[in-house]
Amino acid sequence: MTSAQPIVRVRELTKRYGDLTVLRGLDIDIQAGEKVAIIGPSGSGKSTLLRMLMTLEEPDGGEIWIDGTPMWSYEQNGARVAASETHLRQVREKLGMVFQHFNLFPHMTVQQNITLAPQLVRGENGGAATETAKRLLDMVGLADKANAYPAKLSGGQKQRVAIARAMAMSPQVMLFDEVTSALDPELVHEVLMVLRKLALETDMTMLLVTHEMAFAREIADRVLFFDQGRILESGSPDEIFTSPREARTQQFLHTVLDR
């Protein structure tokens, strides 16, 4: 999978919270259509990276490009200036994110949750937004829940609605941040089934922070192992899970796979 220009390019990305450095000069290229699983211990910077891609956190150094457009700065009269809110919003529209917690609007039906952003942000008419919502609900196996309210759904169903809602904005890149970690164990499978379908049947670019190692091994084109704010190891699923080079990677996998 090669491209003249990566869909996501990260250079020297740094993030600090007080004395704690969470990301340390991160460099990543993600090609269009690539499925990348991000694994590593808690606190290693995995979710921080996704939040910075969604402009929910601001970097202390470095830059991100989405489809060739710099996110946090742009050129004005021959000089680089900090990005305006308008610029950030335009770049952010190319990305969709699904969080650990579903964040559905409880007073809206499932269908209304999905159609809201396309109508408000992109100006889609109600009919087109509704057709898209129906198609996406069918894809995530919830065609019969269009008129239900979130309170009537299981955690797994809510997360599948959240996936459909993010996809309704037709993002170029989808970010998934530990989307099964808040679910009861018996509900994890139904969400992974939807993610597997997206990974195997679409050309969507996907970045997944996950603790589901078997799933990462199955669907990822590439696996990144984060440790202490850096990418310690990067490779194919077979390279990372079968013959990791770094002792820290081996230690981490031994711990999580032998639970």
Protein backbone atom coordinates (compact mmCIF):
# COMPACT_ATOMS: atom_id res chain seq x y z
CA MET A 1 0.00 0.00 0.00
CA THR A 2 1.92 3.04 -1.20
CA SER A 3 0.98 6.60 -1.90
CA ALA A 4 2.78 9.74 -2.97
CA GLN A 5 1.40 11.47 0.09
CA PRO A 6 0.28 9.89 3.36
CA ILE A 7 -3.29 10.64 4.42
CA VAL A 8 -1.95 11.29 7.95
CA ARG A 9 1.54 12.64 8.55
CA VAL A 10 2.88 13.38 12.03
CA ARG A 11 6.26 15.00 12.65
CA GLU A 12 8.03 15.74 15.94
CA LEU A 13 4.71 15.73 17.80
CA THR A 14 5.16 16.58 21.47
CA LYS A 15 2.65 16.92 24.29
CA ARG A 16 3.25 17.78 27.92
CA TYR A 17 1.01 18.07 30.94
CA GLY A 18 3.06 20.05 33.44
CA ASP A 19 6.22 18.07 34.12
CA LEU A 20 4.84 14.96 32.42
CA THR A 21 5.78 14.48 28.76
CA VAL A 22 3.13 12.25 27.16
CA LEU A 23 4.35 12.34 23.55
CA ARG A 24 8.04 12.71 22.72
CA GLY A 25 8.71 13.88 19.17
CA LEU A 26 6.39 11.38 17.48
CA ASP A 27 6.81 10.65 13.73
CA ILE A 28 4.14 8.62 11.87
CA ASP A 29 2.96 8.24 8.27
CA ILE A 30 -0.41 6.57 7.61
CA GLN A 31 -1.30 5.71 4.02
CA ALA A 32 -4.82 6.04 2.64
CA GLY A 33 -6.76 2.85 3.27
CA GLU A 34 -4.30 1.54 5.85
CA LYS A 35 -5.55 -0.15 9.01
CA VAL A 36 -3.20 0.64 11.90
CA ALA A 37 -3.55 -0.82 15.39
CA ILE A 38 -1.92 1.09 18.25
CA ILE A 39 -1.06 -0.97 21.31
CA GLY A 40 0.90 -0.36 24.49
CA PRO A 41 0.58 0.18 28.24
CA SER A 42 -1.76 2.73 29.78
CA GLY A 43 -0.27 6.21 29.84
CA SER A 44 1.99 5.61 26.83
CA GLY A 45 0.35 8.35 24.74
CA LYS A 46 -1.93 6.29 22.50
CA SER A 47 -5.21 8.10 23.22
CA THR A 48 -3.45 11.47 23.41
CA LEU A 49 -2.39 11.04 19.79
CA LEU A 50 -5.98 10.42 18.67
CA ARG A 51 -7.25 13.39 20.69
CA MET A 52 -4.66 15.62 19.04
CA LEU A 53 -5.71 14.37 15.61
CA MET A 54 -9.26 15.44 16.51
CA THR A 55 -7.97 18.85 17.77
CA LEU A 56 -9.25 18.04 21.27
CA GLU A 57 -5.70 18.57 22.57
CA GLU A 58 -3.16 21.08 21.28
CA PRO A 59 0.46 20.00 20.68
CA ASP A 60 3.37 21.61 22.47
CA GLY A 61 5.55 20.95 19.45
CA GLY A 62 5.48 19.39 16.01
CA GLU A 63 2.81 19.28 13.33
CA ILE A 64 0.12 17.03 11.87
CA TRP A 65 -0.90 16.98 8.21
CA ILE A 66 -4.22 15.51 7.06
CA ASP A 67 -4.31 14.77 3.33
CA GLY A 68 -1.46 17.24 2.82
CA THR A 69 -3.01 20.07 4.84
CA PRO A 70 -1.22 21.15 8.04
CA MET A 71 -3.57 21.04 11.00
CA TRP A 72 -2.13 23.36 13.62
CA SER A 73 -0.66 26.11 11.42
CA TYR A 74 -0.97 27.55 7.95
CA GLU A 75 0.80 30.01 5.71
CA GLN A 76 -0.34 33.63 5.66
CA ASN A 77 1.55 36.33 3.78
CA GLY A 78 4.62 34.13 3.56
CA ALA A 79 4.73 33.31 7.28
CA ARG A 80 3.45 30.37 9.31
CA VAL A 81 0.75 31.34 11.77
CA ALA A 82 -1.26 29.40 14.34
CA ALA A 83 -4.39 27.80 12.92
CA SER A 84 -7.69 29.60 13.37
CA GLU A 85 -10.74 27.78 14.71
CA THR A 86 -12.17 27.83 11.18
CA HIS A 87 -9.05 26.15 9.77
CA LEU A 88 -9.05 23.53 12.55
CA ARG A 89 -12.70 22.75 11.89
CA GLN A 90 -12.12 22.35 8.15
CA VAL A 91 -9.25 19.91 8.70
CA ARG A 92 -11.09 18.07 11.49
CA GLU A 93 -14.04 17.37 9.18
CA LYS A 94 -11.81 14.87 7.37
CA LEU A 95 -11.67 12.72 10.52
CA GLY A 96 -14.20 10.82 12.58
CA MET A 97 -13.67 9.45 16.07
CA VAL A 98 -15.41 6.91 18.27
CA PHE A 99 -14.60 7.16 21.96
CA GLN A 100 -14.66 4.69 24.85
CA HIS A 101 -17.94 6.21 26.00
CA PHE A 102 -20.73 6.64 23.50
CA ASN A 103 -21.78 10.26 24.16
CA LEU A 104 -25.14 9.83 22.44
CA PHE A 105 -27.79 12.51 23.00
CA PRO A 106 -30.29 10.80 25.34
CA HIS A 107 -33.24 12.97 24.27
CA MET A 108 -32.84 12.02 20.58
CA THR A 109 -33.66 8.80 18.81
CA VAL A 110 -30.90 6.69 17.28
CA GLN A 111 -31.69 8.07 13.83
CA GLN A 112 -31.71 11.66 15.08
CA ASN A 113 -28.33 11.13 16.74
CA ILE A 114 -26.91 10.05 13.38
CA THR A 115 -28.54 12.71 11.19
CA LEU A 116 -27.84 15.72 13.42
CA ALA A 117 -24.25 16.51 12.43
CA PRO A 118 -24.63 15.99 8.66
CA GLN A 119 -27.54 18.45 8.67
CA LEU A 120 -26.02 21.02 11.04
CA VAL A 121 -22.40 20.90 9.91
CA ARG A 122 -22.63 19.94 6.25
CA GLY A 123 -26.07 21.30 5.43
CA GLU A 124 -27.46 17.98 4.17
CA ASN A 125 -31.19 17.92 3.66
CA GLY A 126 -33.22 15.73 5.98
CA GLY A 127 -34.07 13.16 3.35
CA ALA A 128 -30.46 12.52 2.34
CA ALA A 129 -29.30 12.41 5.97
CA THR A 130 -32.06 9.95 6.84
CA GLU A 131 -31.17 7.66 3.92
CA THR A 132 -27.53 7.66 5.01
CA ALA A 133 -28.55 6.89 8.60
CA LYS A 134 -30.69 3.95 7.47
CA ARG A 135 -27.86 2.54 5.36
CA LEU A 136 -25.36 2.86 8.21
CA LEU A 137 -27.74 1.38 10.79
CA ASP A 138 -28.21 -1.60 8.49
CA MET A 139 -24.43 -1.93 8.19
CA VAL A 140 -23.96 -2.01 11.99
CA GLY A 141 -26.89 -4.41 12.43
CA LEU A 142 -29.33 -1.97 14.03
CA ALA A 143 -31.81 -1.27 11.25
CA ASP A 144 -34.66 -2.01 13.66
CA LYS A 145 -33.47 0.55 16.26
CA ALA A 146 -33.81 3.77 14.24
CA ASN A 147 -36.62 5.12 16.44
CA ALA A 148 -35.32 3.82 19.76
CA TYR A 149 -33.81 6.09 22.39
CA PRO A 150 -30.32 5.42 23.79
CA ALA A 151 -31.70 4.45 27.20
CA LYS A 152 -33.32 1.41 25.56
CA LEU A 153 -30.04 0.17 24.06
CA SER A 154 -27.31 -2.06 25.46
CA GLY A 155 -23.77 -0.73 25.70
CA GLY A 156 -22.76 -2.63 22.60
CA GLN A 157 -25.71 -1.24 20.65
CA LYS A 158 -24.87 2.31 21.78
CA GLN A 159 -21.30 1.88 20.60
CA ARG A 160 -22.48 0.61 17.22
CA VAL A 161 -24.71 3.69 16.92
CA ALA A 162 -21.68 5.84 17.78
CA ILE A 163 -19.75 4.18 14.94
CA ALA A 164 -22.61 4.85 12.51
CA ARG A 165 -22.85 8.46 13.71
CA ALA A 166 -19.13 9.08 13.08
CA MET A 167 -19.33 7.50 9.63
CA ALA A 168 -22.33 9.64 8.66
CA MET A 169 -19.93 12.56 8.20
CA SER A 170 -18.03 10.57 5.51
CA PRO A 171 -14.61 11.03 7.11
CA GLN A 172 -11.44 10.14 5.25
CA VAL A 173 -9.91 8.73 8.42
CA MET A 174 -11.66 6.95 11.31
CA LEU A 175 -10.14 6.92 14.80
CA PHE A 176 -11.23 4.35 17.39
CA ASP A 177 -10.13 4.89 20.98
CA GLU A 178 -10.55 1.72 23.05
CA VAL A 179 -14.13 1.43 21.85
CA THR A 180 -14.75 -1.86 23.68
CA SER A 181 -13.10 -1.02 27.01
CA ALA A 182 -16.27 0.33 28.67
CA LEU A 183 -18.38 -2.67 27.61
CA ASP A 184 -19.34 -5.78 29.50
CA PRO A 185 -17.29 -8.71 28.14
CA GLU A 186 -20.26 -10.37 26.45
CA LEU A 187 -20.95 -7.19 24.43
CA VAL A 188 -17.41 -6.73 23.11
CA HIS A 189 -17.86 -9.28 20.31
CA GLU A 190 -20.73 -7.45 18.60
CA VAL A 191 -18.73 -4.23 18.35
CA LEU A 192 -15.60 -6.01 17.11
CA MET A 193 -17.74 -7.65 14.42
CA VAL A 194 -18.66 -4.20 13.09
CA LEU A 195 -15.05 -3.00 13.18
CA ARG A 196 -13.92 -6.20 11.45
CA LYS A 197 -16.47 -5.59 8.71
CA LEU A 198 -15.22 -2.01 8.23
CA ALA A 199 -11.61 -3.17 8.13
CA LEU A 200 -12.09 -6.06 5.73
CA GLU A 201 -14.82 -4.71 3.44
CA THR A 202 -14.01 -1.00 3.05
CA ASP A 203 -11.03 1.08 1.97
CA MET A 204 -11.45 3.41 4.93
CA THR A 205 -8.29 4.52 6.72
CA MET A 206 -8.51 3.32 10.33
CA LEU A 207 -6.41 4.00 13.44
CA LEU A 208 -7.42 1.83 16.36
CA VAL A 209 -6.13 2.11 19.91
CA THR A 210 -7.00 -1.27 21.37
CA HIS A 211 -6.26 -3.86 24.04
CA GLU A 212 -7.91 -6.56 21.88
CA MET A 213 -4.72 -8.24 20.68
CA ALA A 214 -6.27 -11.06 18.67
CA PHE A 215 -8.47 -8.53 16.87
CA ALA A 216 -5.50 -6.24 16.16
CA ARG A 217 -3.55 -9.16 14.77
CA GLU A 218 -6.44 -10.14 12.49
CA ILE A 219 -7.38 -6.81 10.92
CA ALA A 220 -4.34 -4.53 11.06
CA ASP A 221 -1.96 -3.88 8.17
CA ARG A 222 0.50 -2.49 10.69
CA VAL A 223 0.87 -2.46 14.47
CA LEU A 224 2.53 0.35 16.44
CA PHE A 225 3.75 -0.39 19.97
CA PHE A 226 3.77 2.75 22.12
CA ASP A 227 5.85 3.05 25.27
CA GLN A 228 6.55 6.22 27.27
CA GLY A 229 5.36 8.58 24.54
CA ARG A 230 7.31 6.99 21.70
CA ILE A 231 6.77 4.35 19.04
CA LEU A 232 9.13 1.70 20.33
CA GLU A 233 8.34 -0.81 17.58
CA SER A 234 6.41 -0.85 14.31
CA GLY A 235 5.73 -3.77 12.02
CA SER A 236 3.26 -6.18 10.53
CA PRO A 237 0.98 -8.03 12.97
CA ASP A 238 3.06 -11.17 12.46
CA GLU A 239 6.30 -9.31 13.22
CA ILE A 240 4.95 -7.65 16.36
CA PHE A 241 2.99 -10.56 17.81
CA THR A 242 5.19 -13.48 16.72
CA SER A 243 8.72 -12.11 16.83
CA PRO A 244 8.91 -8.65 18.44
CA ARG A 245 12.44 -7.25 18.45
CA GLU A 246 12.26 -5.08 21.56
CA ALA A 247 12.43 -6.59 25.06
CA ARG A 248 9.78 -4.09 26.24
CA THR A 249 7.38 -5.23 23.51
CA GLN A 250 8.00 -8.85 24.44
CA GLN A 251 7.36 -8.08 28.12
CA PHE A 252 4.12 -6.20 27.36
CA LEU A 253 2.74 -8.94 25.09
CA HIS A 254 3.71 -11.65 27.57
CA THR A 255 1.74 -9.78 30.24
CA VAL A 256 -1.42 -9.10 28.24
CA LEU A 257 -1.57 -12.38 26.32
CA ASP A 258 -1.08 -14.57 29.40
CA ARG A 259 -3.91 -13.06 31.43
